[in-house]
C-alpha atoms as a PDB file:
ATOM      1  CA  MET A   1     -61.561 -50.220 -47.879  1.00  0.00           C
ATOM      2  CA  ASN A   2     -63.957 -53.003 -46.847  1.00  0.00           C
ATOM      3  CA  ASP A   3     -62.281 -55.391 -49.305  1.00  0.00           C
ATOM      4  CA  ILE A   4     -59.029 -54.916 -47.402  1.00  0.00           C
ATOM      5  CA  ILE A   5     -60.281 -54.756 -43.818  1.00  0.00           C
ATOM      6  CA  HIS A   6     -63.032 -57.403 -43.730  1.00  0.00           C
ATOM      7  CA  PRO A   7     -60.866 -60.397 -44.762  1.00  0.00           C
ATOM      8  CA  ALA A   8     -58.354 -59.481 -42.054  1.00  0.00           C
ATOM      9  CA  ILE A   9     -61.123 -59.165 -39.477  1.00  0.00           C
ATOM     10  CA  ARG A  10     -62.607 -62.546 -40.467  1.00  0.00           C
ATOM     11  CA  LYS A  11     -59.191 -64.193 -40.292  1.00  0.00           C
ATOM     12  CA  GLU A  12     -58.571 -62.801 -36.801  1.00  0.00           C
ATOM     13  CA  MET A  13     -62.078 -63.739 -35.667  1.00  0.00           C
ATOM     14  CA  LEU A  14     -61.537 -67.346 -36.733  1.00  0.00           C
ATOM     15  CA  ARG A  15     -58.065 -67.411 -35.199  1.00  0.00           C
ATOM     16  CA  GLN A  16     -59.477 -66.325 -31.844  1.00  0.00           C
ATOM     17  CA  ARG A  17     -62.350 -68.824 -32.061  1.00  0.00           C
ATOM     18  CA  ASP A  18     -59.954 -71.663 -32.846  1.00  0.00           C
ATOM     19  CA  GLU A  19     -57.593 -70.606 -30.057  1.00  0.00           C
ATOM     20  CA  TYR A  20     -60.390 -70.723 -27.484  1.00  0.00           C
ATOM     21  CA  LEU A  21     -61.446 -74.170 -28.697  1.00  0.00           C
ATOM     22  CA  SER A  22     -57.899 -75.525 -28.718  1.00  0.00           C
ATOM     23  CA  ASN A  23     -57.467 -74.239 -25.160  1.00  0.00           C
ATOM     24  CA  GLY A  24     -60.433 -76.307 -23.986  1.00  0.00           C
ATOM     25  CA  ALA A  25     -63.403 -73.973 -24.335  1.00  0.00           C
ATOM     26  CA  LEU A  26     -66.541 -75.997 -24.924  1.00  0.00           C
ATOM     27  CA  ASN A  27     -68.397 -73.076 -26.462  1.00  0.00           C
ATOM     28  CA  VAL A  28     -67.447 -69.788 -28.061  1.00  0.00           C
ATOM     29  CA  VAL A  29     -69.876 -66.924 -28.563  1.00  0.00           C
ATOM     30  CA  MET A  30     -69.241 -64.801 -31.636  1.00  0.00           C
ATOM     31  CA  ASP A  31     -71.049 -61.483 -31.926  1.00  0.00           C
ATOM     32  CA  ILE A  32     -71.331 -60.853 -35.682  1.00  0.00           C
ATOM     33  CA  PRO A  33     -73.773 -57.989 -36.324  1.00  0.00           C
ATOM     34  CA  LEU A  34     -73.813 -58.413 -40.122  1.00  0.00           C
ATOM     35  CA  LEU A  35     -73.683 -62.220 -40.094  1.00  0.00           C
ATOM     36  CA  PHE A  36     -76.394 -62.653 -42.721  1.00  0.00           C
ATOM     37  CA  GLU A  37     -75.456 -59.652 -44.856  1.00  0.00           C
ATOM     38  CA  SER A  38     -71.845 -60.893 -45.008  1.00  0.00           C
ATOM     39  CA  GLN A  39     -72.967 -64.509 -45.511  1.00  0.00           C
ATOM     40  CA  LEU A  40     -70.874 -65.777 -42.601  1.00  0.00           C
ATOM     41  CA  GLN A  41     -73.356 -68.343 -41.266  1.00  0.00           C
ATOM     42  CA  HIS A  42     -70.869 -71.129 -42.054  1.00  0.00           C
ATOM     43  CA  PHE A  43     -68.508 -69.697 -39.400  1.00  0.00           C
ATOM     44  CA  VAL A  44     -70.837 -70.813 -36.590  1.00  0.00           C
ATOM     45  CA  ASP A  45     -72.720 -73.895 -35.428  1.00  0.00           C
ATOM     46  CA  ARG A  46     -75.812 -72.080 -34.160  1.00  0.00           C
ATOM     47  CA  ILE A  47     -77.345 -68.684 -34.715  1.00  0.00           C
ATOM     48  CA  LEU A  48     -79.139 -66.662 -32.076  1.00  0.00           C
ATOM     49  CA  VAL A  49     -80.912 -63.535 -33.282  1.00  0.00           C
ATOM     50  CA  VAL A  50     -82.027 -60.762 -30.950  1.00  0.00           C
ATOM     51  CA  SER A  51     -85.170 -59.256 -32.419  1.00  0.00           C
ATOM     52  CA  VAL A  52     -87.129 -56.077 -31.724  1.00  0.00           C
ATOM     53  CA  THR A  53     -90.062 -54.332 -33.327  1.00  0.00           C
ATOM     54  CA  GLU A  54     -89.153 -51.783 -35.984  1.00  0.00           C
ATOM     55  CA  GLU A  55     -90.440 -49.040 -33.698  1.00  0.00           C
ATOM     56  CA  ASN A  56     -88.119 -50.103 -30.867  1.00  0.00           C
ATOM     57  CA  GLN A  57     -85.242 -50.554 -33.285  1.00  0.00           C
ATOM     58  CA  LEU A  58     -85.685 -47.016 -34.629  1.00  0.00           C
ATOM     59  CA  THR A  59     -86.073 -45.432 -31.197  1.00  0.00           C
ATOM     60  CA  ARG A  60     -83.066 -47.212 -29.704  1.00  0.00           C
ATOM     61  CA  LEU A  61     -80.843 -46.477 -32.703  1.00  0.00           C
ATOM     62  CA  MET A  62     -81.800 -42.798 -32.692  1.00  0.00           C
ATOM     63  CA  GLU A  63     -81.100 -42.512 -28.953  1.00  0.00           C
ATOM     64  CA  ARG A  64     -77.887 -44.538 -28.941  1.00  0.00           C
ATOM     65  CA  ASN A  65     -76.293 -42.925 -32.008  1.00  0.00           C
ATOM     66  CA  GLN A  66     -77.924 -39.494 -31.838  1.00  0.00           C
ATOM     67  CA  LEU A  67     -79.449 -40.010 -35.304  1.00  0.00           C
ATOM     68  CA  SER A  68     -82.419 -38.323 -36.883  1.00  0.00           C
ATOM     69  CA  PHE A  69     -85.436 -40.421 -37.829  1.00  0.00           C
ATOM     70  CA  GLU A  70     -84.357 -40.362 -41.492  1.00  0.00           C
ATOM     71  CA  GLU A  71     -80.753 -41.375 -40.680  1.00  0.00           C
ATOM     72  CA  ALA A  72     -81.894 -44.241 -38.463  1.00  0.00           C
ATOM     73  CA  LYS A  73     -84.420 -45.417 -41.050  1.00  0.00           C
ATOM     74  CA  ALA A  74     -81.727 -45.363 -43.763  1.00  0.00           C
ATOM     75  CA  ARG A  75     -79.332 -47.405 -41.611  1.00  0.00           C
ATOM     76  CA  ILE A  76     -81.981 -50.003 -40.829  1.00  0.00           C
ATOM     77  CA  SER A  77     -83.007 -50.155 -44.494  1.00  0.00           C
ATOM     78  CA  SER A  78     -79.425 -50.972 -45.488  1.00  0.00           C
ATOM     79  CA  GLN A  79     -79.620 -54.237 -43.520  1.00  0.00           C
ATOM     80  CA  LEU A  80     -81.697 -57.349 -43.995  1.00  0.00           C
ATOM     81  CA  PRO A  81     -85.071 -57.136 -42.247  1.00  0.00           C
ATOM     82  CA  ILE A  82     -85.117 -58.712 -38.808  1.00  0.00           C
ATOM     83  CA  SER A  83     -87.884 -61.057 -40.008  1.00  0.00           C
ATOM     84  CA  VAL A  84     -85.437 -62.545 -42.542  1.00  0.00           C
ATOM     85  CA  LYS A  85     -82.777 -62.935 -39.863  1.00  0.00           C
ATOM     86  CA  GLU A  86     -85.298 -64.642 -37.573  1.00  0.00           C
ATOM     87  CA  LYS A  87     -85.975 -67.239 -40.288  1.00  0.00           C
ATOM     88  CA  GLY A  88     -82.245 -67.986 -40.499  1.00  0.00           C
ATOM     89  CA  ALA A  89     -81.829 -68.345 -36.745  1.00  0.00           C
ATOM     90  CA  ASP A  90     -81.771 -71.445 -34.583  1.00  0.00           C
ATOM     91  CA  ALA A  91     -83.378 -69.387 -31.813  1.00  0.00           C
ATOM     92  CA  VAL A  92     -84.727 -65.867 -31.364  1.00  0.00           C
ATOM     93  CA  ILE A  93     -84.769 -63.598 -28.331  1.00  0.00           C
ATOM     94  CA  TYR A  94     -87.491 -60.942 -28.397  1.00  0.00           C
ATOM     95  CA  ASN A  95     -85.974 -57.856 -26.800  1.00  0.00           C
ATOM     96  CA  ASN A  96     -88.988 -55.537 -26.696  1.00  0.00           C
ATOM     97  CA  THR A  97     -89.492 -55.292 -22.956  1.00  0.00           C
ATOM     98  CA  ASP A  98     -87.173 -55.295 -19.971  1.00  0.00           C
ATOM     99  CA  LEU A  99     -83.711 -56.746 -19.463  1.00  0.00           C
ATOM    100  CA  ALA A 100     -85.023 -59.431 -17.092  1.00  0.00           C
ATOM    101  CA  SER A 101     -87.256 -60.849 -19.836  1.00  0.00           C
ATOM    102  CA  THR A 102     -84.363 -60.874 -22.288  1.00  0.00           C
ATOM    103  CA  GLU A 103     -82.133 -62.645 -19.751  1.00  0.00           C
ATOM    104  CA  ARG A 104     -84.818 -65.284 -19.045  1.00  0.00           C
ATOM    105  CA  GLN A 105     -85.120 -66.010 -22.758  1.00  0.00           C
ATOM    106  CA  LEU A 106     -81.338 -66.281 -23.113  1.00  0.00           C
ATOM    107  CA  HIS A 107     -80.988 -68.663 -20.169  1.00  0.00           C
ATOM    108  CA  HIS A 108     -83.833 -70.808 -21.517  1.00  0.00           C
ATOM    109  CA  ILE A 109     -82.157 -71.088 -24.936  1.00  0.00           C
ATOM    110  CA  LEU A 110     -78.739 -71.843 -23.451  1.00  0.00           C
ATOM    111  CA  LYS A 111     -80.241 -74.603 -21.287  1.00  0.00           C
ATOM    112  CA  GLU A 112     -82.086 -75.974 -24.315  1.00  0.00           C
ATOM    113  CA  TRP A 113     -78.823 -76.052 -26.262  1.00  0.00           C
ATOM    114  CA  GLY A 114     -76.989 -77.720 -23.356  1.00  0.00           C
ATOM    115  CA  VAL A 115     -74.662 -74.753 -22.934  1.00  0.00           C
ATOM    116  CA  GLU A 116     -75.913 -73.695 -19.512  1.00  0.00           C
ATOM    117  CA  GLN A 117     -76.818 -75.979 -16.638  1.00  0.00           C
ATOM    118  CA  GLU A 118     -79.892 -75.489 -14.480  1.00  0.00           C
ATOM    119  CA  LEU A 119     -79.298 -72.761 -11.904  1.00  0.00           C
END
């Protein structure tokens, strides 16, 4: 199933990205949860990883998806460790506290990259 669906999804994702750029967008954000696992880094110019501790990751996944500890652990284990993703990133946001902290980190990175002007 994945061999049929994933190529179509990638094709559509690139079509939309290219359409935004051809219509004058200076930047396009692509949310690709399995970017590293699918080896799609070449689709983007920069990579921003949102990182959390394993404890937070487990707790949030269990709450969001109504999973048991074992189910959440198995899902996390099927992906690359966040530490590996951090090493492949151009920037990392540490999302272990409140939303305001996460937003401050995001705005700082976007300013650093020249995507967002000073407020």
